[in-house]
């Protein structure tokens, strides 16, 4: 199996049941999730060998998070132990015209307090094929940003392909701080993934007149910024998901990729959403798997879009589908008929 490394924070997710609002709920549904952990679970489902790197406290909550990853086939041997707490986020799931809401309770989590000395990156990246991180991890804290940069340097020492999901989170940092930190990290990146807000807030590129709230996309605007991003950072691929938000319950979903010569726009799926959290992570997981396995960039994009379309039908952060199920959708089986 091919070794892939992802690094970030896994959090305890507490979500209101039955689309309830926070002030209605008398209980929460419990799952674990977080950008890079979600990617690792996808890769395990597809048969790769994902290792998730983070720091978790030496207590039952840290044990529970690790066990949750192991349950789905993620290797946890590089997880450092220490610190005081697991980060938490609260989710109020929206419906129809009411949007979902997220409240973070992650300050001073274990990964936010991590140090370079917690990780042996040369051992971690030995024999690895790929490293994936997101813009969320360096946004957590200054220490987490320093650890992220050290991991990227080690990945390049070991000739590991690097992908990033820009993943701008306005509740974690400002556009100015995001651009200051993330621009410096782009020199290590081969594959850049991000949506229109990420490109603007993190790297300063705005895709024309696109406005996802109207359900209309201007692809020429994306093509323009993709060329600019590739010229400035020399990415091998620039990729974006394209979400057309008709409502909190119904979205259009496709993606666009640029390899320096050609733009390719994937098939579009109209999806009824069960849980959209982790949709972008499932896309990244599908793209990484496909590229690691040697698919061309067009086939890789189609696999990634189909994988993430399926994720929107699954409760929780993790995308619990197999490669065969994704391939069936890629090949046109979107009937949803009962499998007997």
Protein backbone atom coordinates (compact mmCIF):
# COMPACT_ATOMS: atom_id res chain seq x y z
CA UNK A 1 0.00 0.00 0.00
CA UNK A 2 1.10 3.56 -0.71
CA UNK A 3 1.88 5.74 2.31
CA UNK A 4 0.12 9.11 2.50
CA UNK A 5 0.53 11.61 5.35
CA UNK A 6 -2.10 14.10 6.47
CA UNK A 7 -1.62 16.51 9.38
CA UNK A 8 -4.05 18.67 11.29
CA UNK A 9 -6.55 18.71 14.13
CA UNK A 10 -9.22 16.14 14.86
CA UNK A 11 -12.07 17.56 16.93
CA UNK A 12 -15.09 16.35 18.83
CA UNK A 13 -18.19 17.38 16.87
CA UNK A 14 -21.41 18.01 18.79
CA UNK A 15 -24.33 18.54 16.42
CA UNK A 16 -27.98 19.22 17.07
CA UNK A 17 -30.25 16.32 16.10
CA UNK A 18 -33.17 16.51 13.65
CA UNK A 19 -32.13 19.92 12.25
CA UNK A 20 -32.85 21.56 15.62
CA UNK A 21 -31.50 24.97 16.54
CA UNK A 22 -29.01 25.33 19.37
CA UNK A 23 -31.63 26.83 21.68
CA UNK A 24 -34.00 23.90 21.01
CA UNK A 25 -31.60 21.02 21.52
CA UNK A 26 -31.58 18.97 24.73
CA UNK A 27 -28.86 16.63 23.43
CA UNK A 28 -26.10 16.50 20.83
CA UNK A 29 -25.04 13.83 18.36
CA UNK A 30 -21.36 12.95 18.79
CA UNK A 31 -18.85 12.25 16.03
CA UNK A 32 -15.21 13.17 15.44
CA UNK A 33 -13.85 15.05 12.46
CA UNK A 34 -11.49 17.63 11.07
CA UNK A 35 -10.19 18.50 7.62
CA UNK A 36 -7.08 16.35 7.30
CA UNK A 37 -8.50 13.54 9.44
CA UNK A 38 -11.47 13.38 7.07
CA UNK A 39 -9.08 13.07 4.11
CA UNK A 40 -7.21 10.26 5.85
CA UNK A 41 -10.40 8.25 6.37
CA UNK A 42 -11.31 8.60 2.69
CA UNK A 43 -7.88 7.34 1.68
CA UNK A 44 -8.18 4.35 4.00
CA UNK A 45 -11.54 3.46 2.43
CA UNK A 46 -9.88 3.49 -1.01
CA UNK A 47 -7.10 1.13 0.04
CA UNK A 48 -4.14 3.47 0.55
CA UNK A 49 -2.11 3.62 3.78
CA UNK A 50 -2.93 6.97 5.42
CA UNK A 51 -1.08 8.19 8.50
CA UNK A 52 -2.67 11.03 10.44
CA UNK A 53 -0.32 13.36 12.32
CA UNK A 54 -1.56 15.48 15.20
CA UNK A 55 -1.22 15.94 18.96
CA UNK A 56 -3.88 14.75 21.39
CA UNK A 57 -4.09 14.80 25.20
CA UNK A 58 -3.19 11.75 27.24
CA UNK A 59 -6.72 11.27 28.55
CA UNK A 60 -9.91 9.35 27.62
CA UNK A 61 -11.01 12.00 25.10
CA UNK A 62 -7.70 11.77 23.28
CA UNK A 63 -7.97 7.97 23.35
CA UNK A 64 -11.49 8.17 21.95
CA UNK A 65 -10.40 10.34 19.01
CA UNK A 66 -7.55 7.95 18.20
CA UNK A 67 -9.81 4.91 18.43
CA UNK A 68 -12.27 6.59 16.08
CA UNK A 69 -9.54 6.99 13.46
CA UNK A 70 -8.33 3.42 13.94
CA UNK A 71 -11.88 2.16 13.50
CA UNK A 72 -11.79 3.37 9.91
CA UNK A 73 -8.31 2.13 9.07
CA UNK A 74 -6.16 5.22 9.66
CA UNK A 75 -2.65 4.62 11.06
CA UNK A 76 -2.15 6.66 14.24
CA UNK A 77 1.41 5.75 15.23
CA UNK A 78 2.72 9.28 14.56
CA UNK A 79 0.20 11.00 16.83
CA UNK A 80 1.95 12.81 19.69
CA UNK A 81 0.38 12.70 23.12
CA UNK A 82 0.21 15.62 25.52
CA UNK A 83 -1.53 18.94 26.03
CA UNK A 84 -4.74 19.66 27.87
CA UNK A 85 -7.71 19.15 25.60
CA UNK A 86 -9.35 18.00 22.40
CA UNK A 87 -10.86 20.81 20.33
CA UNK A 88 -14.65 20.89 20.04
CA UNK A 89 -17.00 22.34 17.48
CA UNK A 90 -20.76 22.66 17.71
CA UNK A 91 -22.87 22.29 14.56
CA UNK A 92 -26.41 23.51 13.99
CA UNK A 93 -27.47 21.88 10.72
CA UNK A 94 -29.48 24.16 8.46
CA UNK A 95 -32.24 23.28 6.03
CA UNK A 96 -33.85 24.95 3.01
CA UNK A 97 -33.08 28.69 3.22
CA UNK A 98 -31.69 28.49 6.81
CA UNK A 99 -27.90 28.05 6.76
CA UNK A 100 -25.89 25.79 9.03
CA UNK A 101 -23.92 27.39 11.86
CA UNK A 102 -20.64 26.37 13.48
CA UNK A 103 -19.36 27.48 16.90
CA UNK A 104 -15.74 26.63 17.75
CA UNK A 105 -14.41 25.73 21.18
CA UNK A 106 -10.86 24.82 20.22
CA UNK A 107 -8.61 27.42 21.86
CA UNK A 108 -5.51 25.92 23.51
CA UNK A 109 -6.18 22.46 22.12
CA UNK A 110 -3.29 20.01 22.13
CA UNK A 111 -2.30 20.61 18.50
CA UNK A 112 -2.45 24.39 19.06
CA UNK A 113 0.19 23.97 21.76
CA UNK A 114 2.37 21.52 19.82
CA UNK A 115 6.08 22.00 19.14
CA UNK A 116 8.45 20.78 16.44
CA UNK A 117 10.02 18.48 19.04
CA UNK A 118 6.74 16.52 19.25
CA UNK A 119 7.30 15.02 15.79
CA UNK A 120 10.11 13.17 14.02
CA UNK A 121 9.30 14.40 10.52
CA UNK A 122 12.14 12.58 8.82
CA UNK A 123 10.74 9.31 10.14
CA UNK A 124 7.18 10.35 9.32
CA UNK A 125 7.98 11.13 5.67
CA UNK A 126 10.24 8.14 5.08
CA UNK A 127 8.88 6.22 2.04
CA UNK A 128 5.81 8.49 1.81
CA UNK A 129 4.18 9.29 -1.54
CA UNK A 130 2.04 12.30 -0.60
CA UNK A 131 1.51 14.90 2.12
CA UNK A 132 -1.74 16.82 2.57
CA UNK A 133 -2.49 19.74 4.87
CA UNK A 134 -5.04 22.54 4.92
CA UNK A 135 -5.12 26.23 5.71
CA UNK A 136 -6.98 25.41 8.91
CA UNK A 137 -3.91 23.94 10.61
CA UNK A 138 -1.61 27.01 10.50
CA UNK A 139 -4.63 29.15 11.42
CA UNK A 140 -5.05 27.34 14.76
CA UNK A 141 -2.06 29.01 16.42
CA UNK A 142 1.42 30.39 15.77
CA UNK A 143 2.90 27.15 17.08
CA UNK A 144 0.77 25.08 14.71
CA UNK A 145 1.90 27.28 11.80
CA UNK A 146 5.56 26.71 12.73
CA UNK A 147 4.99 22.94 12.94
CA UNK A 148 3.23 22.99 9.56
CA UNK A 149 6.15 24.74 7.89
CA UNK A 150 8.62 22.29 9.40
CA UNK A 151 6.53 19.38 8.11
CA UNK A 152 6.52 20.90 4.62
CA UNK A 153 10.30 21.30 4.65
CA UNK A 154 10.70 17.66 5.66
CA UNK A 155 8.25 16.51 2.97
CA UNK A 156 10.34 18.26 0.32
CA UNK A 157 13.57 16.77 1.69
CA UNK A 158 11.99 13.38 1.06
CA UNK A 159 10.66 14.31 -2.41
CA UNK A 160 7.04 13.91 -1.29
CA UNK A 161 4.26 15.44 -3.40
CA UNK A 162 2.38 18.09 -1.37
CA UNK A 163 -1.24 19.20 -1.65
CA UNK A 164 -3.05 21.95 0.22
CA UNK A 165 -6.71 22.72 0.66
CA UNK A 166 -6.65 26.48 1.33
CA UNK A 167 -9.76 26.21 3.55
CA UNK A 168 -10.12 29.80 4.78
CA UNK A 169 -11.93 30.05 8.13
CA UNK A 170 -12.89 33.59 9.11
CA UNK A 171 -13.49 32.55 12.72
CA UNK A 172 -9.83 31.54 13.03
CA UNK A 173 -7.96 34.43 11.37
CA UNK A 174 -8.20 37.51 9.16
CA UNK A 175 -7.55 37.58 5.42
CA UNK A 176 -4.44 39.66 6.08
CA UNK A 177 -2.98 37.10 8.49
CA UNK A 178 -4.00 34.21 6.27
CA UNK A 179 -2.22 35.73 3.28
CA UNK A 180 0.89 36.53 5.33
CA UNK A 181 1.24 32.94 6.59
CA UNK A 182 -0.07 30.91 3.67
CA UNK A 183 1.77 32.72 0.87
CA UNK A 184 5.05 31.67 2.46
CA UNK A 185 3.94 28.02 2.56
CA UNK A 186 2.95 27.89 -1.11
CA UNK A 187 6.55 27.36 -2.23
CA UNK A 188 6.29 23.77 -0.97
CA UNK A 189 2.95 22.98 -2.66
CA UNK A 190 2.43 20.97 -5.84
CA UNK A 191 -1.38 20.70 -5.91
CA UNK A 192 -3.50 23.63 -4.70
CA UNK A 193 -7.18 23.10 -3.92
CA UNK A 194 -9.57 25.87 -2.92
CA UNK A 195 -12.90 27.49 -3.65
CA UNK A 196 -13.52 31.07 -4.71
CA UNK A 197 -13.47 32.47 -1.14
CA UNK A 198 -10.24 30.63 -0.33
CA UNK A 199 -8.46 31.99 -3.41
CA UNK A 200 -9.47 35.55 -2.56
CA UNK A 201 -9.04 35.57 1.22
CA UNK A 202 -5.91 33.42 1.44
CA UNK A 203 -3.96 34.31 -1.71
CA UNK A 204 -5.64 37.48 -2.97
CA UNK A 205 -7.11 36.20 -6.25
CA UNK A 206 -10.77 36.97 -7.01
CA UNK A 207 -12.57 34.91 -9.70
CA UNK A 208 -14.46 37.50 -11.75
CA UNK A 209 -18.15 38.03 -10.98
CA UNK A 210 -18.87 34.60 -9.51
CA UNK A 211 -21.45 34.67 -6.70
CA UNK A 212 -22.43 31.27 -5.31
CA UNK A 213 -25.50 32.72 -3.64
CA UNK A 214 -27.09 33.35 -7.06
CA UNK A 215 -26.36 29.84 -8.30
CA UNK A 216 -24.34 31.27 -11.19
CA UNK A 217 -20.66 30.61 -11.86
CA UNK A 218 -18.37 32.53 -14.19
CA UNK A 219 -15.81 29.96 -15.28
CA UNK A 220 -13.72 32.47 -17.21
CA UNK A 221 -13.02 34.23 -13.92
CA UNK A 222 -11.65 31.02 -12.44
CA UNK A 223 -9.52 30.41 -15.51
CA UNK A 224 -7.95 33.84 -15.13
CA UNK A 225 -6.97 33.36 -11.48
CA UNK A 226 -5.80 29.79 -12.07
CA UNK A 227 -3.28 31.09 -14.60
CA UNK A 228 -2.16 33.79 -12.18
CA UNK A 229 -1.78 31.31 -9.33
CA UNK A 230 0.22 28.88 -11.43
CA UNK A 231 2.46 31.66 -12.72
CA UNK A 232 3.13 32.96 -9.20
CA UNK A 233 3.53 29.68 -7.30
CA UNK A 234 4.37 27.12 -10.03
CA UNK A 235 1.72 24.63 -8.89
CA UNK A 236 1.45 21.43 -10.91
CA UNK A 237 -2.34 21.54 -10.64
CA UNK A 238 -4.75 24.24 -9.49
CA UNK A 239 -8.15 22.86 -8.52
CA UNK A 240 -11.42 24.28 -7.22
CA UNK A 241 -14.73 22.83 -6.21
CA UNK A 242 -17.71 24.71 -7.64
CA UNK A 243 -20.67 24.85 -5.28
CA UNK A 244 -23.90 26.40 -6.49
CA UNK A 245 -25.92 27.02 -3.32
CA UNK A 246 -29.56 26.90 -4.30
CA UNK A 247 -30.37 26.44 -0.60
CA UNK A 248 -28.93 24.74 2.49
CA UNK A 249 -30.61 21.55 1.30
CA UNK A 250 -29.88 21.57 -2.44
CA UNK A 251 -26.62 22.40 -4.19
CA UNK A 252 -25.04 22.05 -7.58
CA UNK A 253 -21.60 20.44 -7.31
CA UNK A 254 -18.77 20.23 -9.82
CA UNK A 255 -15.08 21.13 -10.07
CA UNK A 256 -12.45 22.70 -12.30
CA UNK A 257 -8.77 21.77 -12.74
CA UNK A 258 -5.88 23.43 -14.58
CA UNK A 259 -2.58 21.77 -15.42
CA UNK A 260 -0.84 24.73 -17.02
CA UNK A 261 -2.10 23.90 -20.50
CA UNK A 262 -5.72 22.87 -20.27
CA UNK A 263 -8.76 23.67 -18.14
CA UNK A 264 -11.16 20.83 -17.46
CA UNK A 265 -14.64 21.24 -15.95
CA UNK A 266 -16.13 18.09 -14.45
CA UNK A 267 -19.60 16.68 -14.68
CA UNK A 268 -22.07 18.53 -12.43
CA UNK A 269 -24.19 16.79 -9.79
CA UNK A 270 -27.38 18.22 -8.28
CA UNK A 271 -27.33 16.95 -4.70
CA UNK A 272 -29.85 16.83 -1.87
CA UNK A 273 -27.77 17.38 1.26
CA UNK A 274 -27.82 15.17 4.33
CA UNK A 275 -24.59 16.63 5.78
CA UNK A 276 -22.30 18.97 3.86
CA UNK A 277 -19.52 19.10 6.48
CA UNK A 278 -16.48 17.35 5.06
CA UNK A 279 -17.60 17.79 1.45
CA UNK A 280 -14.41 19.56 0.46
CA UNK A 281 -12.27 17.07 2.39
CA UNK A 282 -13.90 14.16 0.59
CA UNK A 283 -13.11 15.90 -2.69
CA UNK A 284 -9.45 16.26 -1.67
CA UNK A 285 -9.35 12.61 -0.63
CA UNK A 286 -10.74 11.48 -3.96
CA UNK A 287 -8.32 13.65 -5.91
CA UNK A 288 -5.27 12.51 -3.92
CA UNK A 289 -6.21 8.84 -4.23
CA UNK A 290 -6.68 9.11 -7.98
CA UNK A 291 -3.42 10.98 -8.61
CA UNK A 292 -1.44 8.63 -6.36
CA UNK A 293 -2.89 5.68 -8.28
CA UNK A 294 -1.80 7.18 -11.60
CA UNK A 295 -5.10 8.38 -13.06
CA UNK A 296 -4.83 11.34 -15.43
CA UNK A 297 -5.95 14.70 -14.12
CA UNK A 298 -9.36 14.57 -15.83
CA UNK A 299 -10.25 11.13 -14.50
CA UNK A 300 -8.92 12.18 -11.09
CA UNK A 301 -11.22 15.20 -11.05
CA UNK A 302 -14.27 13.13 -12.01
CA UNK A 303 -13.53 10.63 -9.23
CA UNK A 304 -13.08 13.42 -6.69
CA UNK A 305 -16.34 15.16 -7.62
CA UNK A 306 -18.32 11.92 -7.51
CA UNK A 307 -16.77 10.96 -4.15
CA UNK A 308 -17.67 14.30 -2.62
CA UNK A 309 -21.18 14.23 -4.11
CA UNK A 310 -21.69 10.92 -2.29
CA UNK A 311 -20.29 12.38 0.95
CA UNK A 312 -23.08 14.95 1.03
CA UNK A 313 -25.49 12.03 1.55
CA UNK A 314 -23.68 10.71 4.66
CA UNK A 315 -24.05 11.99 8.20
CA UNK A 316 -20.84 12.96 9.99
CA UNK A 317 -17.51 14.38 8.85
CA UNK A 318 -16.13 11.19 7.28
CA UNK A 319 -16.83 9.97 3.74
CA UNK A 320 -17.60 6.28 4.24
CA UNK A 321 -17.76 5.10 0.64
CA UNK A 322 -15.61 2.66 -1.32
CA UNK A 323 -13.73 3.25 -4.55
CA UNK A 324 -16.16 0.88 -6.32
CA UNK A 325 -19.14 2.95 -5.18
CA UNK A 326 -17.49 6.11 -6.45
CA UNK A 327 -16.61 4.52 -9.78
CA UNK A 328 -20.23 3.40 -10.20
CA UNK A 329 -21.37 7.01 -9.89
CA UNK A 330 -18.61 8.22 -12.23
CA UNK A 331 -19.88 5.70 -14.77
CA UNK A 332 -23.41 7.05 -14.58
CA UNK A 333 -25.26 5.05 -11.94
CA UNK A 334 -26.99 7.83 -10.00
CA UNK A 335 -30.33 6.08 -9.67
CA UNK A 336 -30.14 5.47 -5.93
CA UNK A 337 -31.91 2.15 -6.40
CA UNK A 338 -31.82 -0.33 -3.53
CA UNK A 339 -28.88 -2.74 -3.86
CA UNK A 340 -30.11 -6.29 -3.19
